[in-house]
Amino acid sequence: MFKTKICEILNIQYPIILGGMLWIGKSDLVAAVSEAGGLGLMGAGGMTIEEIDSECSNVKAKTKKPFGVNIPLVRPDSDEMINAAIKNGASVIATSSGSPKKYTKMIQEQGCRVIHVVANVTFAKKSARHTPNSEPILNYVNLAPKSFWIKRKIACIKVHHI
C-alpha cells in the first residue's frame, strides 16, 4: 500500500487529490474519487449556496469517505460557501484566489482541514506567513515545452493543521 503523510492528514487511502474543477468537479466525480481512496474536491466557484448544499448531500449519499470543496475567496459570499460546505459534510476546504488569512482559523475551528492553492512560490510564502501553523505537503512544478501556450506553471499546495 502506498501511503504518505498527506494520506494521514487528510484521512485518505492514496495520495490522490482531485482538483476542484469549475463546472466539472460535481458530486458524481467527487464521490467516485473519494470512494476510490483519494480526496474528491468539488469545484464550487460557479455554484450557488443551494447548489453547494445539494451537491454535498449527493456526495454524502454516495460515499462515507472524506471529500472537500474548493472555494474561491474572491467570491463575495465565500464565508457562506465555506459554512455551507462544512455544514453539509466536507472535511476539507480548499481555498484559492485570495488570502487564506481570514478563513483558516474559522475553518479549523469547525474541525476541517484547509488546503490553500496558490499560483506560484511567492504566493505560497505569503500564505505561509499568514498561517504559521501550516506544513508544506506538496509542491510541484510542471514545465511545459515552449510550444505549449502555457510555458510554465507552478502550483503549490499547503495543508494547514488543526
N, C-alpha and C. Protein backbone atom coordinates (compact mmCIF):
# COMPACT_ATOMS: atom_id res chain seq x y z
N MET A 1 0.85 -1.18 0.00
CA MET A 1 0.00 0.00 0.00
C MET A 1 0.89 1.24 0.00
N PHE A 2 0.58 2.19 -0.86
CA PHE A 2 1.34 3.43 -0.98
C PHE A 2 0.69 4.49 -0.11
N LYS A 3 1.30 4.78 1.02
CA LYS A 3 0.74 5.75 1.95
C LYS A 3 1.77 6.84 2.24
N THR A 4 1.31 8.07 2.32
CA THR A 4 2.18 9.19 2.60
C THR A 4 1.59 10.02 3.74
N LYS A 5 2.33 11.04 4.14
CA LYS A 5 1.86 11.91 5.21
C LYS A 5 0.55 12.61 4.83
N ILE A 6 0.41 12.96 3.58
CA ILE A 6 -0.83 13.61 3.13
C ILE A 6 -2.03 12.67 3.33
N CYS A 7 -1.80 11.36 3.16
CA CYS A 7 -2.88 10.38 3.39
C CYS A 7 -3.32 10.41 4.85
N GLU A 8 -2.35 10.47 5.75
CA GLU A 8 -2.67 10.52 7.18
C GLU A 8 -3.42 11.80 7.55
N ILE A 9 -2.92 12.93 7.05
CA ILE A 9 -3.51 14.22 7.39
C ILE A 9 -4.94 14.34 6.87
N LEU A 10 -5.17 13.88 5.64
CA LEU A 10 -6.49 14.04 5.02
C LEU A 10 -7.39 12.82 5.20
N ASN A 11 -6.87 11.78 5.86
CA ASN A 11 -7.63 10.55 6.11
C ASN A 11 -8.09 9.90 4.80
N ILE A 12 -7.13 9.76 3.87
CA ILE A 12 -7.41 9.13 2.59
C ILE A 12 -6.47 7.94 2.40
N GLN A 13 -6.82 7.05 1.50
CA GLN A 13 -6.06 5.83 1.29
C GLN A 13 -4.86 6.06 0.35
N TYR A 14 -5.04 6.89 -0.66
CA TYR A 14 -3.99 7.14 -1.65
C TYR A 14 -3.73 8.64 -1.76
N PRO A 15 -2.50 9.04 -2.07
CA PRO A 15 -2.19 10.47 -2.18
C PRO A 15 -2.64 11.06 -3.51
N ILE A 16 -3.94 10.98 -3.74
CA ILE A 16 -4.54 11.49 -4.97
C ILE A 16 -5.60 12.52 -4.58
N ILE A 17 -5.47 13.73 -5.14
CA ILE A 17 -6.43 14.79 -4.85
C ILE A 17 -7.00 15.28 -6.16
N LEU A 18 -8.31 15.17 -6.29
CA LEU A 18 -8.99 15.70 -7.46
C LEU A 18 -9.03 17.21 -7.33
N GLY A 19 -8.50 17.93 -8.31
CA GLY A 19 -8.57 19.38 -8.29
C GLY A 19 -10.01 19.84 -8.37
N GLY A 20 -10.34 20.93 -7.69
CA GLY A 20 -11.70 21.45 -7.70
C GLY A 20 -12.00 22.16 -9.01
N MET A 21 -12.45 21.41 -10.00
CA MET A 21 -12.65 21.95 -11.34
C MET A 21 -14.05 22.55 -11.50
N LEU A 22 -14.07 23.81 -11.90
CA LEU A 22 -15.32 24.52 -12.13
C LEU A 22 -16.13 23.81 -13.20
N TRP A 23 -17.43 23.62 -12.95
CA TRP A 23 -18.42 23.01 -13.85
C TRP A 23 -18.26 21.49 -13.99
N ILE A 24 -17.09 20.94 -13.73
CA ILE A 24 -16.86 19.50 -13.91
C ILE A 24 -16.82 18.77 -12.57
N GLY A 25 -16.19 19.40 -11.57
CA GLY A 25 -16.00 18.76 -10.28
C GLY A 25 -17.26 18.78 -9.44
N LYS A 26 -18.23 17.98 -9.85
CA LYS A 26 -19.51 17.90 -9.13
C LYS A 26 -19.61 16.57 -8.40
N SER A 27 -20.75 16.32 -7.81
CA SER A 27 -20.91 15.22 -6.85
C SER A 27 -20.54 13.84 -7.39
N ASP A 28 -20.90 13.50 -8.62
CA ASP A 28 -20.58 12.16 -9.13
C ASP A 28 -19.08 11.91 -9.18
N LEU A 29 -18.34 12.86 -9.73
CA LEU A 29 -16.88 12.72 -9.85
C LEU A 29 -16.22 12.79 -8.48
N VAL A 30 -16.65 13.71 -7.65
CA VAL A 30 -16.09 13.86 -6.30
C VAL A 30 -16.29 12.58 -5.50
N ALA A 31 -17.50 12.05 -5.51
CA ALA A 31 -17.79 10.81 -4.77
C ALA A 31 -16.99 9.64 -5.31
N ALA A 32 -16.83 9.55 -6.62
CA ALA A 32 -16.08 8.44 -7.22
C ALA A 32 -14.61 8.48 -6.79
N VAL A 33 -14.00 9.65 -6.81
CA VAL A 33 -12.59 9.77 -6.39
C VAL A 33 -12.45 9.44 -4.91
N SER A 34 -13.32 9.98 -4.09
CA SER A 34 -13.25 9.70 -2.65
C SER A 34 -13.49 8.23 -2.36
N GLU A 35 -14.49 7.65 -3.00
CA GLU A 35 -14.80 6.23 -2.78
C GLU A 35 -13.64 5.34 -3.21
N ALA A 36 -12.88 5.78 -4.21
CA ALA A 36 -11.72 5.01 -4.69
C ALA A 36 -10.49 5.18 -3.80
N GLY A 37 -10.57 6.06 -2.80
CA GLY A 37 -9.47 6.19 -1.85
C GLY A 37 -8.69 7.49 -1.93
N GLY A 38 -9.03 8.36 -2.89
CA GLY A 38 -8.39 9.67 -2.99
C GLY A 38 -9.25 10.70 -2.28
N LEU A 39 -8.94 11.97 -2.52
CA LEU A 39 -9.76 13.05 -1.98
C LEU A 39 -10.43 13.75 -3.14
N GLY A 40 -11.75 13.63 -3.22
CA GLY A 40 -12.51 14.34 -4.22
C GLY A 40 -12.76 15.76 -3.76
N LEU A 41 -12.41 16.74 -4.59
CA LEU A 41 -12.68 18.14 -4.29
C LEU A 41 -13.70 18.68 -5.27
N MET A 42 -14.77 19.21 -4.75
CA MET A 42 -15.82 19.80 -5.57
C MET A 42 -15.39 21.21 -5.97
N GLY A 43 -15.60 21.56 -7.22
CA GLY A 43 -15.31 22.91 -7.70
C GLY A 43 -16.54 23.79 -7.54
N ALA A 44 -16.58 24.59 -6.47
CA ALA A 44 -17.79 25.34 -6.13
C ALA A 44 -17.78 26.77 -6.66
N GLY A 45 -16.79 27.14 -7.43
CA GLY A 45 -16.67 28.52 -7.89
C GLY A 45 -17.87 29.05 -8.63
N GLY A 46 -18.56 28.22 -9.37
CA GLY A 46 -19.72 28.66 -10.13
C GLY A 46 -21.05 28.27 -9.51
N MET A 47 -21.02 27.80 -8.27
CA MET A 47 -22.24 27.31 -7.62
C MET A 47 -22.87 28.34 -6.70
N THR A 48 -24.17 28.22 -6.54
CA THR A 48 -24.88 28.98 -5.52
C THR A 48 -24.77 28.22 -4.20
N ILE A 49 -25.17 28.84 -3.12
CA ILE A 49 -25.17 28.16 -1.81
C ILE A 49 -26.08 26.95 -1.87
N GLU A 50 -27.22 27.08 -2.52
CA GLU A 50 -28.16 25.96 -2.63
C GLU A 50 -27.55 24.80 -3.42
N GLU A 51 -26.80 25.11 -4.46
CA GLU A 51 -26.14 24.05 -5.24
C GLU A 51 -25.05 23.37 -4.42
N ILE A 52 -24.33 24.12 -3.61
CA ILE A 52 -23.33 23.51 -2.72
C ILE A 52 -24.02 22.55 -1.76
N ASP A 53 -25.14 23.00 -1.17
CA ASP A 53 -25.92 22.13 -0.26
C ASP A 53 -26.30 20.83 -0.97
N SER A 54 -26.86 20.97 -2.15
CA SER A 54 -27.36 19.81 -2.91
C SER A 54 -26.23 18.88 -3.34
N GLU A 55 -25.16 19.44 -3.89
CA GLU A 55 -24.04 18.61 -4.37
C GLU A 55 -23.35 17.89 -3.21
N CYS A 56 -23.16 18.57 -2.09
CA CYS A 56 -22.56 17.91 -0.92
C CYS A 56 -23.45 16.78 -0.40
N SER A 57 -24.75 17.01 -0.38
CA SER A 57 -25.68 15.95 0.03
C SER A 57 -25.59 14.75 -0.90
N ASN A 58 -25.46 15.01 -2.19
CA ASN A 58 -25.30 13.92 -3.16
C ASN A 58 -24.02 13.14 -2.93
N VAL A 59 -22.92 13.84 -2.62
CA VAL A 59 -21.66 13.15 -2.33
C VAL A 59 -21.83 12.26 -1.10
N LYS A 60 -22.42 12.81 -0.05
CA LYS A 60 -22.61 12.04 1.19
C LYS A 60 -23.49 10.81 0.98
N ALA A 61 -24.42 10.89 0.04
CA ALA A 61 -25.28 9.74 -0.25
C ALA A 61 -24.51 8.64 -0.99
N LYS A 62 -23.43 8.99 -1.65
CA LYS A 62 -22.67 8.03 -2.46
C LYS A 62 -21.43 7.49 -1.79
N THR A 63 -20.92 8.18 -0.76
CA THR A 63 -19.72 7.70 -0.07
C THR A 63 -19.70 8.20 1.36
N LYS A 64 -19.08 7.42 2.22
CA LYS A 64 -18.87 7.83 3.61
C LYS A 64 -17.44 8.34 3.80
N LYS A 65 -16.67 8.36 2.73
CA LYS A 65 -15.26 8.75 2.80
C LYS A 65 -15.11 10.26 2.72
N PRO A 66 -13.95 10.78 3.14
CA PRO A 66 -13.74 12.24 3.15
C PRO A 66 -13.83 12.84 1.75
N PHE A 67 -14.35 14.08 1.70
CA PHE A 67 -14.36 14.86 0.47
C PHE A 67 -14.19 16.32 0.85
N GLY A 68 -13.90 17.14 -0.14
CA GLY A 68 -13.70 18.56 0.13
C GLY A 68 -14.37 19.42 -0.92
N VAL A 69 -14.30 20.72 -0.66
CA VAL A 69 -14.88 21.70 -1.57
C VAL A 69 -13.87 22.81 -1.79
N ASN A 70 -13.66 23.18 -3.05
CA ASN A 70 -12.78 24.30 -3.38
C ASN A 70 -13.60 25.57 -3.43
N ILE A 71 -13.17 26.57 -2.64
CA ILE A 71 -13.87 27.84 -2.54
C ILE A 71 -12.94 28.97 -3.00
N PRO A 72 -13.30 29.68 -4.07
CA PRO A 72 -12.50 30.84 -4.47
C PRO A 72 -12.82 32.02 -3.55
N LEU A 73 -11.81 32.52 -2.87
CA LEU A 73 -12.02 33.54 -1.86
C LEU A 73 -12.36 34.92 -2.43
N VAL A 74 -12.27 35.07 -3.74
CA VAL A 74 -12.67 36.34 -4.35
C VAL A 74 -14.19 36.48 -4.42
N ARG A 75 -14.89 35.40 -4.20
CA ARG A 75 -16.36 35.47 -4.21
C ARG A 75 -16.83 36.26 -2.99
N PRO A 76 -17.77 37.18 -3.16
CA PRO A 76 -18.25 37.96 -2.01
C PRO A 76 -18.98 37.11 -0.97
N ASP A 77 -19.48 35.95 -1.39
CA ASP A 77 -20.19 35.06 -0.46
C ASP A 77 -19.34 33.87 -0.02
N SER A 78 -18.01 34.03 -0.06
CA SER A 78 -17.15 32.89 0.29
C SER A 78 -17.35 32.41 1.72
N ASP A 79 -17.67 33.31 2.66
CA ASP A 79 -17.97 32.89 4.04
C ASP A 79 -19.14 31.91 4.06
N GLU A 80 -20.22 32.27 3.35
CA GLU A 80 -21.40 31.41 3.32
C GLU A 80 -21.11 30.10 2.58
N MET A 81 -20.29 30.18 1.54
CA MET A 81 -19.93 28.97 0.80
C MET A 81 -19.18 27.99 1.70
N ILE A 82 -18.22 28.52 2.46
CA ILE A 82 -17.44 27.69 3.38
C ILE A 82 -18.36 27.05 4.41
N ASN A 83 -19.23 27.86 5.01
CA ASN A 83 -20.15 27.33 6.03
C ASN A 83 -21.09 26.28 5.46
N ALA A 84 -21.57 26.49 4.23
CA ALA A 84 -22.47 25.51 3.60
C ALA A 84 -21.73 24.20 3.35
N ALA A 85 -20.50 24.28 2.87
CA ALA A 85 -19.72 23.06 2.61
C ALA A 85 -19.48 22.28 3.90
N ILE A 86 -19.09 22.98 4.95
CA ILE A 86 -18.81 22.30 6.23
C ILE A 86 -20.09 21.73 6.82
N LYS A 87 -21.17 22.51 6.79
CA LYS A 87 -22.47 22.05 7.33
C LYS A 87 -22.94 20.79 6.62
N ASN A 88 -22.58 20.66 5.36
CA ASN A 88 -23.03 19.52 4.56
C ASN A 88 -22.00 18.40 4.43
N GLY A 89 -21.01 18.38 5.32
CA GLY A 89 -20.16 17.21 5.44
C GLY A 89 -18.76 17.26 4.85
N ALA A 90 -18.35 18.37 4.25
CA ALA A 90 -16.98 18.45 3.72
C ALA A 90 -15.99 18.40 4.89
N SER A 91 -14.94 17.60 4.74
CA SER A 91 -13.92 17.53 5.79
C SER A 91 -12.69 18.35 5.43
N VAL A 92 -12.62 18.79 4.17
CA VAL A 92 -11.50 19.61 3.69
C VAL A 92 -12.08 20.79 2.91
N ILE A 93 -11.54 21.97 3.19
CA ILE A 93 -11.88 23.15 2.40
C ILE A 93 -10.60 23.58 1.69
N ALA A 94 -10.66 23.61 0.37
CA ALA A 94 -9.53 24.10 -0.42
C ALA A 94 -9.86 25.54 -0.80
N THR A 95 -9.01 26.46 -0.36
CA THR A 95 -9.23 27.86 -0.68
C THR A 95 -8.30 28.24 -1.83
N SER A 96 -8.76 29.20 -2.63
CA SER A 96 -7.95 29.67 -3.75
C SER A 96 -8.35 31.10 -4.07
N SER A 97 -7.59 31.73 -4.94
CA SER A 97 -7.92 33.07 -5.44
C SER A 97 -8.14 34.10 -4.34
N GLY A 98 -7.21 34.16 -3.42
CA GLY A 98 -7.31 35.14 -2.34
C GLY A 98 -6.48 34.70 -1.14
N SER A 99 -6.42 35.56 -0.16
CA SER A 99 -5.64 35.27 1.04
C SER A 99 -6.43 34.38 2.00
N PRO A 100 -5.78 33.34 2.52
CA PRO A 100 -6.46 32.45 3.47
C PRO A 100 -6.47 33.01 4.90
N LYS A 101 -5.85 34.15 5.11
CA LYS A 101 -5.66 34.69 6.46
C LYS A 101 -6.97 34.76 7.25
N LYS A 102 -8.01 35.30 6.64
CA LYS A 102 -9.29 35.50 7.33
C LYS A 102 -10.01 34.18 7.62
N TYR A 103 -9.75 33.15 6.81
CA TYR A 103 -10.59 31.95 6.83
C TYR A 103 -9.98 30.73 7.52
N THR A 104 -8.68 30.64 7.55
CA THR A 104 -8.03 29.41 8.04
C THR A 104 -8.48 29.02 9.44
N LYS A 105 -8.40 29.95 10.36
CA LYS A 105 -8.78 29.64 11.76
C LYS A 105 -10.25 29.26 11.85
N MET A 106 -11.10 30.00 11.13
CA MET A 106 -12.54 29.72 11.15
C MET A 106 -12.82 28.29 10.68
N ILE A 107 -12.15 27.88 9.62
CA ILE A 107 -12.35 26.53 9.07
C ILE A 107 -11.84 25.48 10.04
N GLN A 108 -10.65 25.72 10.57
CA GLN A 108 -10.06 24.77 11.51
C GLN A 108 -10.90 24.61 12.77
N GLU A 109 -11.46 25.70 13.26
CA GLU A 109 -12.29 25.64 14.47
C GLU A 109 -13.55 24.82 14.26
N GLN A 110 -13.93 24.60 13.01
CA GLN A 110 -15.09 23.77 12.70
C GLN A 110 -14.68 22.32 12.42
N GLY A 111 -13.39 22.00 12.67
CA GLY A 111 -12.92 20.62 12.56
C GLY A 111 -12.48 20.18 11.18
N CYS A 112 -12.28 21.11 10.28
CA CYS A 112 -11.89 20.75 8.91
C CYS A 112 -10.42 21.09 8.64
N ARG A 113 -9.89 20.43 7.65
CA ARG A 113 -8.55 20.74 7.14
C ARG A 113 -8.66 21.82 6.09
N VAL A 114 -7.59 22.59 5.94
CA VAL A 114 -7.54 23.65 4.94
C VAL A 114 -6.39 23.37 3.99
N ILE A 115 -6.69 23.38 2.71
CA ILE A 115 -5.66 23.34 1.68
C ILE A 115 -5.75 24.68 0.96
N HIS A 116 -4.66 25.43 0.93
CA HIS A 116 -4.68 26.68 0.18
C HIS A 116 -3.86 26.51 -1.09
N VAL A 117 -4.51 26.71 -2.21
CA VAL A 117 -3.88 26.52 -3.52
C VAL A 117 -3.42 27.89 -4.03
N VAL A 118 -2.17 27.96 -4.43
CA VAL A 118 -1.61 29.21 -4.93
C VAL A 118 -0.97 29.00 -6.29
N ALA A 119 -0.72 30.09 -6.99
CA ALA A 119 -0.21 30.02 -8.36
C ALA A 119 1.30 29.98 -8.46
N ASN A 120 2.01 30.41 -7.42
CA ASN A 120 3.47 30.44 -7.52
C ASN A 120 4.10 30.45 -6.14
N VAL A 121 5.41 30.37 -6.11
CA VAL A 121 6.15 30.27 -4.86
C VAL A 121 5.99 31.54 -4.02
N THR A 122 5.94 32.69 -4.66
CA THR A 122 5.77 33.95 -3.93
C THR A 122 4.49 33.92 -3.11
N PHE A 123 3.39 33.48 -3.73
CA PHE A 123 2.12 33.41 -3.01
C PHE A 123 2.15 32.31 -1.95
N ALA A 124 2.88 31.24 -2.18
CA ALA A 124 3.00 30.18 -1.18
C ALA A 124 3.68 30.70 0.08
N LYS A 125 4.74 31.48 -0.11
CA LYS A 125 5.46 32.05 1.04
C LYS A 125 4.57 33.04 1.79
N LYS A 126 3.83 33.85 1.04
CA LYS A 126 2.93 34.81 1.66
C LYS A 126 1.83 34.09 2.44
N SER A 127 1.30 33.03 1.87
CA SER A 127 0.28 32.22 2.53
C SER A 127 0.83 31.62 3.82
N ALA A 128 2.05 31.13 3.78
CA ALA A 128 2.66 30.53 4.96
C ALA A 128 2.83 31.54 6.09
N ARG A 129 3.13 32.79 5.75
CA ARG A 129 3.25 33.83 6.77
C ARG A 129 1.92 34.10 7.46
N HIS A 130 0.84 34.01 6.72
CA HIS A 130 -0.49 34.26 7.29
C HIS A 130 -1.01 33.07 8.08
N THR A 131 -0.43 31.92 7.88
CA THR A 131 -0.88 30.70 8.54
C THR A 131 0.34 29.97 9.12
N PRO A 132 0.87 30.49 10.23
CA PRO A 132 2.12 29.95 10.77
C PRO A 132 2.06 28.50 11.24
N ASN A 133 0.88 27.94 11.44
CA ASN A 133 0.77 26.55 11.89
C ASN A 133 0.63 25.59 10.71
N SER A 134 1.02 26.04 9.54
CA SER A 134 0.88 25.18 8.36
C SER A 134 2.16 24.39 8.12
N GLU A 135 1.99 23.34 7.37
CA GLU A 135 3.11 22.49 6.99
C GLU A 135 3.03 22.24 5.49
N PRO A 136 4.14 22.51 4.77
CA PRO A 136 4.08 22.26 3.33
C PRO A 136 3.96 20.77 3.06
N ILE A 137 3.01 20.38 2.27
CA ILE A 137 2.79 18.97 1.98
C ILE A 137 3.23 18.63 0.56
N LEU A 138 2.84 19.45 -0.39
CA LEU A 138 3.14 19.11 -1.78
C LEU A 138 3.46 20.37 -2.55
N ASN A 139 4.59 20.35 -3.24
CA ASN A 139 4.95 21.42 -4.17
C ASN A 139 5.34 20.73 -5.46
N TYR A 140 4.80 21.15 -6.56
CA TYR A 140 5.22 20.56 -7.81
C TYR A 140 5.32 21.62 -8.89
N VAL A 141 6.23 21.40 -9.80
CA VAL A 141 6.46 22.32 -10.90
C VAL A 141 6.23 21.55 -12.19
N ASN A 142 5.43 22.10 -13.06
CA ASN A 142 5.16 21.48 -14.35
C ASN A 142 5.72 22.40 -15.42
N LEU A 143 6.82 22.01 -16.03
CA LEU A 143 7.42 22.83 -17.08
C LEU A 143 7.04 22.26 -18.43
N ALA A 144 6.20 22.97 -19.14
CA ALA A 144 5.74 22.52 -20.45
C ALA A 144 6.72 23.02 -21.52
N PRO A 145 6.83 22.30 -22.63
CA PRO A 145 7.68 22.77 -23.72
C PRO A 145 7.23 24.14 -24.23
N LYS A 146 8.15 24.89 -24.82
CA LYS A 146 7.84 26.25 -25.30
C LYS A 146 6.72 26.27 -26.32
N SER A 147 6.47 25.17 -26.99
CA SER A 147 5.42 25.15 -28.00
C SER A 147 4.01 25.17 -27.39
N PHE A 148 3.90 24.87 -26.10
CA PHE A 148 2.60 24.92 -25.44
C PHE A 148 2.23 26.36 -25.14
N TRP A 149 0.95 26.64 -25.08
CA TRP A 149 0.52 28.00 -24.81
C TRP A 149 0.82 28.41 -23.37
N ILE A 150 0.94 27.44 -22.48
CA ILE A 150 1.38 27.73 -21.12
C ILE A 150 2.84 27.30 -21.03
N LYS A 151 3.73 28.25 -20.88
CA LYS A 151 5.15 27.92 -20.87
C LYS A 151 5.59 27.33 -19.53
N ARG A 152 5.02 27.83 -18.46
CA ARG A 152 5.42 27.31 -17.16
C ARG A 152 4.29 27.52 -16.17
N LYS A 153 4.05 26.51 -15.41
CA LYS A 153 3.02 26.60 -14.38
C LYS A 153 3.61 26.07 -13.09
N ILE A 154 3.46 26.82 -12.04
CA ILE A 154 3.95 26.39 -10.73
C ILE A 154 2.75 26.30 -9.80
N ALA A 155 2.57 25.18 -9.16
CA ALA A 155 1.46 25.02 -8.23
C ALA A 155 1.99 24.55 -6.90
N CYS A 156 1.51 25.14 -5.85
CA CYS A 156 1.91 24.75 -4.51
C CYS A 156 0.64 24.53 -3.69
N ILE A 157 0.65 23.51 -2.90
CA ILE A 157 -0.49 23.24 -2.03
C ILE A 157 0.01 23.21 -0.60
N LYS A 158 -0.67 23.93 0.28
CA LYS A 158 -0.33 23.94 1.70
C LYS A 158 -1.51 23.31 2.45
N VAL A 159 -1.21 22.43 3.37
CA VAL A 159 -2.24 21.87 4.23
C VAL A 159 -2.04 22.44 5.61
N HIS A 160 -3.06 23.03 6.17
CA HIS A 160 -2.98 23.67 7.47
C HIS A 160 -3.57 22.74 8.52
N HIS A 161 -2.80 22.50 9.56
CA HIS A 161 -3.22 21.60 10.62
C HIS A 161 -4.21 22.28 11.56
N ILE A 162 -5.00 21.46 12.19
CA ILE A 162 -5.94 21.96 13.21
C ILE A 162 -5.15 22.29 14.45
